[in-house]
Amino acid sequence: MSTILPMRHVKVKWVWISSLLTMLLTVLGVVNPIHAQPVHHARSVCGGGMVTTGTHYESLLSGGLTRHYLVHIPAAYDGHTPLSVVLSLHGFASYGADQEKWSQWTPIADRENFIVVYPEGTGLPLQWNAGNSSYMNKTVDDVAFFTDLFDHFDTTYCIDDARIFVTGFSNGGGMTNRLACELSGRIAAIGTVSGAYSPFAGGCTPVRPIPVITFHGDADPIVNYNGDANQNFPPIKDWVANWAQRNGCKQGPETIALPDAITDVTAIAYHDCQLNAEVQFYTIHGGGHSWPGGMPTVPAQIIGKTARDFNASEIMWTFFQQHGMTPLP
């Protein structure tokens, strides 16, 4: 959110118009958010259900509401081998299909053989109940929705419960943060991009340390890198340091050496944390409100620069592979 109120209102108005236009085109059949066709059916032995590989929309009843999510089951899914699950949460006024395009998790899931899910929020435009901000739905219990969603995964897909990872962008990053605080017993690690983090009732009291990896542009025109008191957003560095403190990290921040091909990025890490729950923070210098390496669904004039010399999802996946859920002592 910009600190200049008139520009903020212009941006919000543009996002609303864009969201409404997308929904209208979808209804008219001009836009089809489902772009991949199912491949084959496989019996999910450890989950118990019949599963269709490929990309498709599913729905789930939660809290009296029909909730939706886009799911991609890799072609190599056999119903016998428990797979990791990555959930990727869209930002304010976006859809699951937008997040799939922006984050580019689906091709990684095919290559690495894991399930990727793009859940959708509620309201018009779609949003998450991630905390105390005007850009967040405060009436729907999204934590309960994800609890129901995880239960649904257990009875539908053959998954590894110790390797459920949650990622999110902007408002979805804020929701990812809230889930790490409230559902840490079911989430192995989280990754966020341009996250909009604001306080919520009960505060952040995870029952176990959660590994965290995050990316944020220091020129983000939507969620200010240095915080936004009007929206209850903290400085990103403070949010990162708070997670390192919760995880009991004893070392850091220390600089992460990056490949020469990655420019204009500073990365730090907090190490020697409880249950190996390290915290990594990538600052994209000059970066805007965007997913590094992804395909923006909003013009650069609105969101700023998108980093092209690395892919945030690829780095997250490497991090996740090193941070499956460690049992509590």
Protein backbone atom coordinates (compact mmCIF):
# COMPACT_ATOMS: atom_id res chain seq x y z
CA MET A 1 0.00 0.00 0.00
CA SER A 2 1.38 3.37 -0.94
CA THR A 3 1.91 5.96 1.74
CA ILE A 4 0.34 8.54 -0.62
CA LEU A 5 -3.38 8.17 -0.06
CA PRO A 6 -4.64 9.44 -3.43
CA MET A 7 -2.42 6.97 -5.30
CA ARG A 8 -3.55 4.15 -3.00
CA HIS A 9 -7.16 4.81 -3.90
CA VAL A 10 -6.29 4.84 -7.59
CA LYS A 11 -4.53 1.47 -7.26
CA VAL A 12 -7.37 -0.10 -5.30
CA LYS A 13 -9.88 1.16 -7.86
CA TRP A 14 -7.78 -0.29 -10.69
CA VAL A 15 -7.52 -3.67 -8.94
CA TRP A 16 -11.29 -3.79 -8.40
CA ILE A 17 -11.93 -2.98 -12.07
CA SER A 18 -9.39 -5.57 -13.19
CA SER A 19 -10.93 -8.22 -10.92
CA LEU A 20 -14.48 -7.50 -12.07
CA LEU A 21 -13.40 -7.54 -15.72
CA THR A 22 -11.69 -10.90 -15.28
CA MET A 23 -14.78 -12.38 -13.63
CA LEU A 24 -17.03 -11.03 -16.40
CA LEU A 25 -14.81 -12.46 -19.14
CA THR A 26 -14.72 -15.80 -17.34
CA VAL A 27 -18.50 -15.96 -17.17
CA LEU A 28 -18.75 -15.07 -20.86
CA GLY A 29 -16.26 -17.79 -21.73
CA VAL A 30 -13.64 -15.37 -23.05
CA VAL A 31 -11.24 -16.26 -20.24
CA ASN A 32 -10.84 -19.88 -19.17
CA PRO A 33 -8.70 -20.13 -16.02
CA ILE A 34 -8.33 -23.90 -16.46
CA HIS A 35 -5.67 -24.29 -19.09
CA ALA A 36 -4.47 -27.86 -18.60
CA GLN A 37 -6.42 -31.03 -19.32
CA PRO A 38 -6.54 -34.13 -17.08
CA VAL A 39 -4.22 -36.91 -18.13
CA HIS A 40 -5.39 -40.10 -16.46
CA HIS A 41 -6.99 -41.53 -13.33
CA ALA A 42 -5.00 -43.14 -10.54
CA ARG A 43 -6.27 -44.85 -7.43
CA SER A 44 -5.01 -43.10 -4.30
CA VAL A 45 -4.25 -46.13 -2.16
CA CYS A 46 -3.05 -44.25 0.92
CA GLY A 47 -5.74 -41.57 0.49
CA GLY A 48 -8.58 -43.79 -0.61
CA GLY A 49 -10.01 -41.74 -3.48
CA MET A 50 -9.90 -41.71 -7.26
CA VAL A 51 -7.58 -38.94 -8.43
CA THR A 52 -7.39 -37.27 -11.84
CA THR A 53 -3.95 -36.07 -12.83
CA GLY A 54 -3.52 -32.71 -14.51
CA THR A 55 -4.93 -29.31 -13.51
CA HIS A 56 -8.55 -28.76 -12.53
CA TYR A 57 -10.80 -26.86 -10.14
CA GLU A 58 -12.25 -28.54 -7.06
CA SER A 59 -14.63 -27.34 -4.35
CA LEU A 60 -15.00 -28.00 -0.64
CA LEU A 61 -17.72 -27.11 1.86
CA SER A 62 -16.23 -25.25 4.83
CA GLY A 63 -17.97 -23.06 7.38
CA GLY A 64 -21.20 -23.20 5.42
CA LEU A 65 -19.47 -21.85 2.30
CA THR A 66 -18.48 -23.60 -0.91
CA ARG A 67 -14.76 -22.94 -1.20
CA HIS A 68 -12.73 -23.42 -4.35
CA TYR A 69 -9.18 -24.36 -5.21
CA LEU A 70 -7.17 -25.15 -8.31
CA VAL A 71 -5.11 -28.34 -7.97
CA HIS A 72 -2.38 -29.82 -10.14
CA ILE A 73 -1.61 -33.52 -9.78
CA PRO A 74 1.63 -34.46 -11.58
CA ALA A 75 1.45 -37.13 -14.29
CA ALA A 76 3.78 -39.37 -12.26
CA TYR A 77 1.28 -39.61 -9.38
CA ASP A 78 0.68 -43.32 -8.75
CA GLY A 79 -1.48 -43.36 -5.62
CA HIS A 80 1.11 -45.43 -3.76
CA THR A 81 3.94 -42.95 -3.11
CA PRO A 82 3.11 -40.20 -0.58
CA LEU A 83 3.87 -36.86 -2.23
CA SER A 84 4.76 -33.44 -0.86
CA VAL A 85 2.13 -30.71 -1.18
CA VAL A 86 2.77 -27.04 -1.92
CA LEU A 87 -0.08 -24.58 -1.46
CA SER A 88 0.31 -21.20 -3.18
CA LEU A 89 -2.06 -18.43 -2.06
CA HIS A 90 -3.05 -15.59 -4.38
CA GLY A 91 -3.02 -11.92 -3.49
CA PHE A 92 -5.88 -9.45 -3.12
CA ALA A 93 -8.31 -9.49 -6.08
CA SER A 94 -6.66 -12.48 -7.76
CA TYR A 95 -7.68 -16.05 -8.48
CA GLY A 96 -5.99 -19.43 -8.18
CA ALA A 97 -5.29 -19.39 -11.91
CA ASP A 98 -3.60 -15.99 -11.57
CA GLN A 99 -1.37 -17.35 -8.82
CA GLU A 100 -0.52 -20.41 -10.89
CA LYS A 101 0.60 -18.18 -13.76
CA TRP A 102 2.46 -15.74 -11.55
CA SER A 103 4.31 -18.21 -9.33
CA GLN A 104 5.07 -20.88 -11.95
CA TRP A 105 4.80 -23.69 -9.37
CA THR A 106 3.06 -26.12 -11.75
CA PRO A 107 6.06 -26.92 -14.00
CA ILE A 108 8.19 -27.43 -10.89
CA ALA A 109 5.57 -29.84 -9.50
CA ASP A 110 5.67 -31.85 -12.73
CA ARG A 111 9.44 -32.01 -12.70
CA GLU A 112 9.82 -32.82 -9.00
CA ASN A 113 6.64 -34.92 -8.61
CA PHE A 114 4.64 -33.12 -5.94
CA ILE A 115 1.09 -31.80 -5.70
CA VAL A 116 0.52 -28.06 -5.96
CA VAL A 117 -2.69 -26.37 -4.86
CA TYR A 118 -3.90 -22.82 -5.49
CA PRO A 119 -6.70 -22.13 -2.96
CA GLU A 120 -9.05 -19.18 -3.41
CA GLY A 121 -10.24 -16.66 -0.87
CA THR A 122 -13.74 -15.23 -0.55
CA GLY A 123 -15.55 -11.99 -1.22
CA LEU A 124 -15.59 -9.62 -4.16
CA PRO A 125 -12.78 -9.14 -4.95
CA LEU A 126 -11.30 -12.35 -3.55
CA GLN A 127 -9.25 -11.87 -0.37
CA TRP A 128 -7.99 -13.62 2.75
CA ASN A 129 -8.75 -13.05 6.43
CA ALA A 130 -5.08 -12.55 7.21
CA GLY A 131 -5.23 -9.83 9.84
CA ASN A 132 -6.20 -6.28 10.72
CA SER A 133 -5.95 -4.44 7.40
CA SER A 134 -8.56 -2.84 5.15
CA TYR A 135 -7.47 -5.20 2.36
CA MET A 136 -8.43 -8.32 4.28
CA ASN A 137 -11.72 -10.15 4.82
CA LYS A 138 -12.38 -10.19 8.58
CA THR A 139 -15.60 -12.24 8.63
CA VAL A 140 -14.67 -15.60 7.08
CA ASP A 141 -12.72 -18.17 9.11
CA ASP A 142 -9.97 -18.98 6.62
CA VAL A 143 -7.93 -20.86 9.23
CA ALA A 144 -10.83 -23.30 9.57
CA PHE A 145 -10.97 -23.56 5.77
CA PHE A 146 -7.34 -24.64 5.59
CA THR A 147 -7.88 -27.10 8.44
CA ASP A 148 -10.73 -28.63 6.42
CA LEU A 149 -8.60 -28.54 3.29
CA PHE A 150 -5.75 -30.43 4.96
CA ASP A 151 -8.23 -33.02 6.25
CA HIS A 152 -9.62 -33.33 2.72
CA PHE A 153 -6.13 -33.92 1.34
CA ASP A 154 -5.60 -36.75 3.81
CA THR A 155 -8.70 -38.59 2.58
CA THR A 156 -8.36 -37.79 -1.11
CA TYR A 157 -4.70 -37.74 -2.12
CA CYS A 158 -1.68 -39.85 -1.27
CA ILE A 159 0.34 -37.21 0.55
CA ASP A 160 3.20 -36.92 3.00
CA ASP A 161 1.76 -35.10 6.03
CA ALA A 162 5.26 -34.12 7.13
CA ARG A 163 5.87 -32.25 3.88
CA ILE A 164 3.01 -29.78 3.49
CA PHE A 165 4.36 -26.35 2.55
CA VAL A 166 2.47 -23.07 2.22
CA THR A 167 3.46 -20.10 0.09
CA GLY A 168 1.67 -16.87 -0.67
CA PHE A 169 1.83 -13.51 -2.39
CA SER A 170 0.81 -10.15 -0.86
CA ASN A 171 -2.50 -10.74 0.98
CA GLY A 172 -1.83 -14.45 0.42
CA GLY A 173 1.57 -13.98 2.04
CA GLY A 174 -0.18 -12.50 5.04
CA MET A 175 -2.50 -15.51 5.16
CA THR A 176 0.52 -17.81 4.89
CA ASN A 177 2.00 -16.03 7.90
CA ARG A 178 -1.21 -16.49 9.88
CA LEU A 179 -1.36 -20.19 9.02
CA ALA A 180 2.23 -20.63 10.21
CA CYS A 181 1.21 -19.05 13.50
CA GLU A 182 -2.02 -21.03 13.99
CA LEU A 183 -1.50 -24.32 12.12
CA SER A 184 2.19 -24.95 12.74
CA GLY A 185 1.40 -28.52 13.73
CA ARG A 186 0.43 -29.29 10.14
CA ILE A 187 2.76 -27.10 8.07
CA ALA A 188 6.41 -28.00 7.54
CA ALA A 189 7.65 -24.61 6.26
CA ILE A 190 6.41 -21.43 4.59
CA GLY A 191 7.54 -19.13 1.80
CA THR A 192 6.20 -15.63 1.08
CA VAL A 193 6.63 -12.93 -1.57
CA SER A 194 5.71 -9.27 -1.03
CA GLY A 195 3.78 -10.36 2.03
CA ALA A 196 1.19 -8.09 3.67
CA TYR A 197 1.55 -9.03 7.34
CA SER A 198 -0.74 -7.49 9.93
CA PRO A 199 -1.72 -8.49 13.48
CA PHE A 200 -4.69 -10.74 14.18
CA ALA A 201 -6.63 -11.82 17.26
CA GLY A 202 -4.65 -14.11 19.54
CA GLY A 203 -1.28 -13.14 18.11
CA CYS A 204 1.35 -15.45 16.67
CA THR A 205 1.86 -18.43 18.97
CA PRO A 206 3.03 -21.43 16.90
CA VAL A 207 3.22 -24.77 18.71
CA ARG A 208 6.47 -25.59 16.93
CA PRO A 209 9.17 -23.62 15.11
CA ILE A 210 8.45 -23.00 11.41
CA PRO A 211 11.19 -22.57 8.78
CA VAL A 212 10.58 -19.36 6.83
CA ILE A 213 11.84 -18.07 3.48
CA THR A 214 10.68 -14.70 2.20
CA PHE A 215 11.23 -12.27 -0.67
CA HIS A 216 10.41 -8.56 -0.78
CA GLY A 217 11.31 -5.67 -3.07
CA ASP A 218 12.61 -2.55 -1.37
CA ALA A 219 10.75 -0.45 -3.97
CA ASP A 220 7.42 -2.24 -3.50
CA PRO A 221 4.72 0.40 -4.18
CA ILE A 222 1.88 -1.68 -2.68
CA VAL A 223 3.28 -3.21 0.54
CA ASN A 224 5.99 -0.85 1.71
CA TYR A 225 9.30 -2.53 2.57
CA ASN A 226 9.65 -0.15 5.53
CA GLY A 227 6.16 -0.74 6.85
CA ASP A 228 2.81 1.04 6.65
CA ALA A 229 1.22 2.19 9.90
CA ASN A 230 -2.08 2.96 8.15
CA GLN A 231 -2.47 -0.73 7.24
CA ASN A 232 -0.74 -2.13 10.36
CA PHE A 233 2.10 -3.55 8.25
CA PRO A 234 5.48 -3.81 10.03
CA PRO A 235 8.85 -3.14 8.42
CA ILE A 236 9.75 -6.36 6.64
CA LYS A 237 13.09 -6.65 8.42
CA ASP A 238 11.28 -6.55 11.77
CA TRP A 239 8.83 -9.24 10.66
CA VAL A 240 11.75 -11.47 9.64
CA ALA A 241 13.62 -10.85 12.90
CA ASN A 242 10.48 -11.73 14.89
CA TRP A 243 10.28 -15.12 13.17
CA ALA A 244 13.94 -15.74 13.92
CA GLN A 245 13.26 -14.95 17.56
CA ARG A 246 10.22 -17.26 17.68
CA ASN A 247 12.29 -20.06 16.15
CA GLY A 248 15.02 -19.61 18.75
CA CYS A 249 17.72 -18.86 16.18
CA LYS A 250 21.09 -18.27 17.83
CA GLN A 251 23.12 -17.13 14.82
CA GLY A 252 22.51 -14.41 12.28
CA PRO A 253 21.68 -12.55 10.36
CA GLU A 254 24.46 -13.82 8.12
CA THR A 255 24.85 -13.07 4.40
CA ILE A 256 23.91 -15.82 1.95
CA ALA A 257 26.31 -16.11 -0.98
CA LEU A 258 24.34 -15.95 -4.23
CA PRO A 259 25.30 -17.02 -7.77
CA ASP A 260 26.84 -14.29 -9.91
CA ALA A 261 23.83 -14.48 -12.23
CA ILE A 262 21.58 -13.13 -9.46
CA THR A 263 22.07 -9.37 -9.26
CA ASP A 264 20.54 -6.59 -7.17
CA VAL A 265 19.62 -9.03 -4.40
CA THR A 266 20.83 -9.23 -0.81
CA ALA A 267 20.04 -12.41 1.12
CA ILE A 268 20.47 -13.10 4.82
CA ALA A 269 19.81 -16.11 7.02
CA TYR A 270 19.29 -16.88 10.69
CA HIS A 271 20.85 -20.21 11.68
CA ASP A 272 21.19 -22.58 14.63
CA CYS A 273 17.43 -22.48 15.25
CA GLN A 274 15.22 -24.90 17.15
CA LEU A 275 14.32 -27.97 15.07
CA ASN A 276 16.41 -26.56 12.20
CA ALA A 277 13.76 -23.88 11.59
CA GLU A 278 16.05 -21.38 9.87
CA VAL A 279 14.83 -18.09 8.44
CA GLN A 280 15.97 -16.71 5.06
CA PHE A 281 15.26 -13.22 3.74
CA TYR A 282 15.84 -12.03 0.16
CA THR A 283 15.71 -8.28 -0.49
CA ILE A 284 15.27 -7.37 -4.17
CA HIS A 285 16.83 -3.94 -4.63
CA GLY A 286 14.55 -1.86 -6.86
CA GLY A 287 12.05 -4.74 -6.87
CA GLY A 288 8.34 -4.05 -6.95
CA HIS A 289 5.20 -5.85 -5.83
CA SER A 290 5.82 -9.00 -7.86
CA TRP A 291 6.92 -12.63 -7.82
CA PRO A 292 10.57 -12.90 -8.95
CA GLY A 293 10.83 -14.99 -12.09
CA GLY A 294 7.06 -15.20 -12.45
CA MET A 295 4.62 -13.93 -15.05
CA PRO A 296 2.91 -10.75 -13.76
CA THR A 297 -0.83 -10.43 -14.25
CA VAL A 298 -0.76 -6.69 -13.50
CA PRO A 299 1.06 -3.98 -15.54
CA ALA A 300 4.51 -2.86 -14.40
CA GLN A 301 3.21 0.71 -14.11
CA ILE A 302 1.18 -0.49 -11.12
CA ILE A 303 3.42 -3.04 -9.42
CA GLY A 304 6.92 -1.93 -10.35
CA LYS A 305 9.88 -4.05 -11.43
CA THR A 306 9.80 -7.85 -11.54
CA ALA A 307 13.17 -9.57 -11.01
CA ARG A 308 14.03 -11.82 -13.95
CA ASP A 309 17.42 -13.26 -13.03
CA PHE A 310 16.05 -15.84 -10.58
CA ASN A 311 12.83 -17.68 -9.77
CA ALA A 312 11.52 -17.38 -6.22
CA SER A 313 9.58 -20.64 -6.49
CA GLU A 314 12.70 -22.59 -7.46
CA ILE A 315 14.61 -21.19 -4.48
CA MET A 316 11.65 -21.93 -2.20
CA TRP A 317 11.48 -25.52 -3.41
CA THR A 318 15.18 -26.04 -2.64
CA PHE A 319 14.53 -24.60 0.84
CA PHE A 320 11.46 -26.80 1.37
CA GLN A 321 13.34 -29.96 0.41
CA GLN A 322 15.69 -29.25 3.31
CA HIS A 323 12.91 -28.54 5.82
CA GLY A 324 10.43 -31.34 6.16
CA MET A 325 8.54 -31.31 9.44
CA THR A 326 10.76 -32.32 12.34
CA PRO A 327 8.93 -34.08 15.21
CA LEU A 328 8.78 -32.20 18.48
CA PRO A 329 11.16 -33.60 21.12
